[in-house]
C-alpha atoms as a PDB file:
ATOM      1  CA  UNK A   1       4.033  33.840 -31.908  1.00  0.00           C
ATOM      2  CA  UNK A   2       7.018  34.382 -29.620  1.00  0.00           C
ATOM      3  CA  UNK A   3       9.193  32.146 -27.467  1.00  0.00           C
ATOM      4  CA  UNK A   4       8.325  34.157 -24.514  1.00  0.00           C
ATOM      5  CA  UNK A   5       4.635  33.811 -25.210  1.00  0.00           C
ATOM      6  CA  UNK A   6       4.633  30.189 -26.009  1.00  0.00           C
ATOM      7  CA  UNK A   7       6.113  29.554 -22.623  1.00  0.00           C
ATOM      8  CA  UNK A   8       4.790  31.580 -20.352  1.00  0.00           C
ATOM      9  CA  UNK A   9       1.315  29.439 -21.982  1.00  0.00           C
ATOM     10  CA  UNK A  10       3.328  26.509 -21.953  1.00  0.00           C
ATOM     11  CA  UNK A  11       3.825  27.363 -18.132  1.00  0.00           C
ATOM     12  CA  UNK A  12       0.535  27.926 -16.941  1.00  0.00           C
ATOM     13  CA  UNK A  13      -0.379  24.576 -19.039  1.00  0.00           C
ATOM     14  CA  UNK A  14       1.846  22.788 -16.323  1.00  0.00           C
ATOM     15  CA  UNK A  15       0.208  24.829 -13.683  1.00  0.00           C
ATOM     16  CA  UNK A  16      -3.479  24.647 -14.597  1.00  0.00           C
ATOM     17  CA  UNK A  17      -2.743  20.434 -15.026  1.00  0.00           C
ATOM     18  CA  UNK A  18      -0.903  20.118 -11.632  1.00  0.00           C
ATOM     19  CA  UNK A  19      -3.901  21.952  -9.798  1.00  0.00           C
ATOM     20  CA  UNK A  20      -6.137  19.311 -11.246  1.00  0.00           C
ATOM     21  CA  UNK A  21      -4.610  16.634 -10.444  1.00  0.00           C
ATOM     22  CA  UNK A  22      -3.631  17.874  -7.055  1.00  0.00           C
ATOM     23  CA  UNK A  23      -7.465  18.694  -6.575  1.00  0.00           C
ATOM     24  CA  UNK A  24      -8.307  15.226  -7.566  1.00  0.00           C
ATOM     25  CA  UNK A  25      -6.431  13.615  -4.400  1.00  0.00           C
ATOM     26  CA  UNK A  26      -4.885  11.261  -6.704  1.00  0.00           C
ATOM     27  CA  UNK A  27      -1.636   9.330  -7.424  1.00  0.00           C
ATOM     28  CA  UNK A  28      -0.019   8.160 -11.319  1.00  0.00           C
ATOM     29  CA  UNK A  29      -1.631   4.756  -9.880  1.00  0.00           C
ATOM     30  CA  UNK A  30      -4.754   5.848  -9.192  1.00  0.00           C
ATOM     31  CA  UNK A  31      -5.018   5.685  -4.966  1.00  0.00           C
ATOM     32  CA  UNK A  32      -5.627   8.432  -3.477  1.00  0.00           C
ATOM     33  CA  UNK A  33      -2.129   9.731  -0.869  1.00  0.00           C
ATOM     34  CA  UNK A  34      -5.083  10.036   2.078  1.00  0.00           C
ATOM     35  CA  UNK A  35      -5.822   6.614   1.482  1.00  0.00           C
ATOM     36  CA  UNK A  36      -2.606   5.196   0.564  1.00  0.00           C
ATOM     37  CA  UNK A  37      -0.947   6.808   3.881  1.00  0.00           C
ATOM     38  CA  UNK A  38      -3.780   5.320   5.894  1.00  0.00           C
ATOM     39  CA  UNK A  39      -3.714   1.479   4.638  1.00  0.00           C
ATOM     40  CA  UNK A  40       0.108   1.687   5.530  1.00  0.00           C
ATOM     41  CA  UNK A  41      -0.671   1.806   9.364  1.00  0.00           C
ATOM     42  CA  UNK A  42      -3.456  -0.709   8.843  1.00  0.00           C
ATOM     43  CA  UNK A  43      -0.709  -3.147   7.758  1.00  0.00           C
ATOM     44  CA  UNK A  44       1.625  -1.544   9.516  1.00  0.00           C
ATOM     45  CA  UNK A  45      -0.408  -2.853  13.077  1.00  0.00           C
ATOM     46  CA  UNK A  46      -0.506  -6.438  11.612  1.00  0.00           C
ATOM     47  CA  UNK A  47       2.707  -6.922  10.322  1.00  0.00           C
ATOM     48  CA  UNK A  48       3.633  -5.601  14.180  1.00  0.00           C
ATOM     49  CA  UNK A  49       1.338  -8.912  14.965  1.00  0.00           C
ATOM     50  CA  UNK A  50       3.301 -11.015  12.538  1.00  0.00           C
ATOM     51  CA  UNK A  51       5.831 -10.315  14.124  1.00  0.00           C
ATOM     52  CA  UNK A  52       4.952 -11.183  17.164  1.00  0.00           C
ATOM     53  CA  UNK A  53       3.838 -13.885  16.535  1.00  0.00           C
ATOM     54  CA  UNK A  54       6.779 -15.396  14.893  1.00  0.00           C
ATOM     55  CA  UNK A  55       7.797 -15.043  18.243  1.00  0.00           C
ATOM     56  CA  UNK A  56       5.609 -16.881  19.768  1.00  0.00           C
ATOM     57  CA  UNK A  57       5.548 -19.371  17.373  1.00  0.00           C
ATOM     58  CA  UNK A  58       8.533 -20.290  15.672  1.00  0.00           C
ATOM     59  CA  UNK A  59       6.318 -19.129  12.137  1.00  0.00           C
ATOM     60  CA  UNK A  60       4.059 -16.645  10.499  1.00  0.00           C
ATOM     61  CA  UNK A  61       0.527 -17.950  10.314  1.00  0.00           C
ATOM     62  CA  UNK A  62      -1.403 -19.647   7.520  1.00  0.00           C
ATOM     63  CA  UNK A  63      -3.284 -16.263   7.209  1.00  0.00           C
ATOM     64  CA  UNK A  64      -4.122 -13.327   8.826  1.00  0.00           C
ATOM     65  CA  UNK A  65      -7.818 -14.140  10.601  1.00  0.00           C
ATOM     66  CA  UNK A  66      -5.322 -16.586  13.133  1.00  0.00           C
ATOM     67  CA  UNK A  67      -3.560 -13.387  14.334  1.00  0.00           C
ATOM     68  CA  UNK A  68      -6.671 -12.552  16.189  1.00  0.00           C
ATOM     69  CA  UNK A  69      -7.172 -11.681  19.168  1.00  0.00           C
ATOM     70  CA  UNK A  70      -3.930 -13.210  20.385  1.00  0.00           C
ATOM     71  CA  UNK A  71      -1.928 -10.453  18.146  1.00  0.00           C
ATOM     72  CA  UNK A  72      -4.810  -7.477  17.325  1.00  0.00           C
ATOM     73  CA  UNK A  73      -8.098  -6.960  18.198  1.00  0.00           C
ATOM     74  CA  UNK A  74      -9.001  -7.043  14.604  1.00  0.00           C
ATOM     75  CA  UNK A  75      -8.046  -6.751  10.965  1.00  0.00           C
ATOM     76  CA  UNK A  76      -8.879  -3.174   9.283  1.00  0.00           C
ATOM     77  CA  UNK A  77      -9.158  -3.564   5.540  1.00  0.00           C
ATOM     78  CA  UNK A  78      -6.557  -1.536   3.864  1.00  0.00           C
ATOM     79  CA  UNK A  79      -8.895   1.924   2.883  1.00  0.00           C
ATOM     80  CA  UNK A  80      -6.849   1.989  -0.704  1.00  0.00           C
ATOM     81  CA  UNK A  81      -6.929   0.276  -3.683  1.00  0.00           C
ATOM     82  CA  UNK A  82      -9.481  -2.555  -3.465  1.00  0.00           C
ATOM     83  CA  UNK A  83      -9.565  -2.441  -0.170  1.00  0.00           C
ATOM     84  CA  UNK A  84      -8.525  -6.323   0.953  1.00  0.00           C
ATOM     85  CA  UNK A  85      -5.143  -7.543   1.909  1.00  0.00           C
ATOM     86  CA  UNK A  86      -3.227 -10.056   0.214  1.00  0.00           C
ATOM     87  CA  UNK A  87      -1.258 -12.160   2.198  1.00  0.00           C
ATOM     88  CA  UNK A  88       1.140 -14.979   0.678  1.00  0.00           C
ATOM     89  CA  UNK A  89       4.061 -17.120   3.547  1.00  0.00           C
ATOM     90  CA  UNK A  90       6.109 -19.430   1.770  1.00  0.00           C
ATOM     91  CA  UNK A  91       5.620 -23.846   3.136  1.00  0.00           C
ATOM     92  CA  UNK A  92       8.381 -23.292   5.483  1.00  0.00           C
ATOM     93  CA  UNK A  93       6.359 -19.964   7.211  1.00  0.00           C
ATOM     94  CA  UNK A  94       9.241 -18.264   7.636  1.00  0.00           C
ATOM     95  CA  UNK A  95       8.379 -15.570   5.062  1.00  0.00           C
ATOM     96  CA  UNK A  96       5.155 -13.759   4.423  1.00  0.00           C
ATOM     97  CA  UNK A  97       4.338 -11.269   2.168  1.00  0.00           C
ATOM     98  CA  UNK A  98       1.590  -9.151   2.889  1.00  0.00           C
ATOM     99  CA  UNK A  99      -0.207  -6.572   0.249  1.00  0.00           C
ATOM    100  CA  UNK A 100      -2.686  -4.004  -0.746  1.00  0.00           C
ATOM    101  CA  UNK A 101      -3.719  -2.375  -3.501  1.00  0.00           C
ATOM    102  CA  UNK A 102      -5.498  -2.066  -7.630  1.00  0.00           C
ATOM    103  CA  UNK A 103      -7.170  -5.085  -9.580  1.00  0.00           C
ATOM    104  CA  UNK A 104      -6.713  -8.997  -9.257  1.00  0.00           C
ATOM    105  CA  UNK A 105      -3.875 -10.011  -6.924  1.00  0.00           C
ATOM    106  CA  UNK A 106      -3.502  -6.221  -6.505  1.00  0.00           C
ATOM    107  CA  UNK A 107      -1.950  -5.591 -10.746  1.00  0.00           C
ATOM    108  CA  UNK A 108      -1.476  -3.385 -12.312  1.00  0.00           C
ATOM    109  CA  UNK A 109      -0.062  -1.459  -9.504  1.00  0.00           C
ATOM    110  CA  UNK A 110       0.090  -2.496  -5.529  1.00  0.00           C
ATOM    111  CA  UNK A 111       2.003  -1.545  -2.194  1.00  0.00           C
ATOM    112  CA  UNK A 112       4.443  -4.440  -0.631  1.00  0.00           C
ATOM    113  CA  UNK A 113       5.547  -5.372   3.400  1.00  0.00           C
ATOM    114  CA  UNK A 114       7.555  -7.962   4.054  1.00  0.00           C
ATOM    115  CA  UNK A 115       9.593  -9.681   6.024  1.00  0.00           C
ATOM    116  CA  UNK A 116      13.199  -8.566   4.395  1.00  0.00           C
ATOM    117  CA  UNK A 117      11.449  -5.314   3.403  1.00  0.00           C
ATOM    118  CA  UNK A 118      12.586  -2.527   6.139  1.00  0.00           C
ATOM    119  CA  UNK A 119       8.981  -0.826   5.094  1.00  0.00           C
ATOM    120  CA  UNK A 120       6.853  -0.307   1.943  1.00  0.00           C
ATOM    121  CA  UNK A 121       7.618  -0.486  -1.179  1.00  0.00           C
ATOM    122  CA  UNK A 122       5.906   0.519  -4.582  1.00  0.00           C
ATOM    123  CA  UNK A 123       5.540  -2.490  -7.405  1.00  0.00           C
ATOM    124  CA  UNK A 124       3.836  -1.968 -10.945  1.00  0.00           C
END
């Protein structure tokens, strides 16, 4: 088989594989990009509520439910991964981490936002 024919076959295989993955609408971590984007948008509303709570009280709440109804009308869950938020606040209540993802504690892949980050980032 000539190298040109082999290159054409390999190119076709790559195109087919890419098309298949796009058709599945799932990224390498197993989460649909649309669901990830929607989850980030829902999380951004929570981040704004957390910031408002911090401005008003000088600390972050012990739990997300403490934001409702004064800072956010409702806590909409993420639509990606386990469909739950993981919220951790430190003992001084001046730092937090909000995440969603797969598995226990949202590992192996999850998306994180904290008071010290400018946006969502992915951790594997």
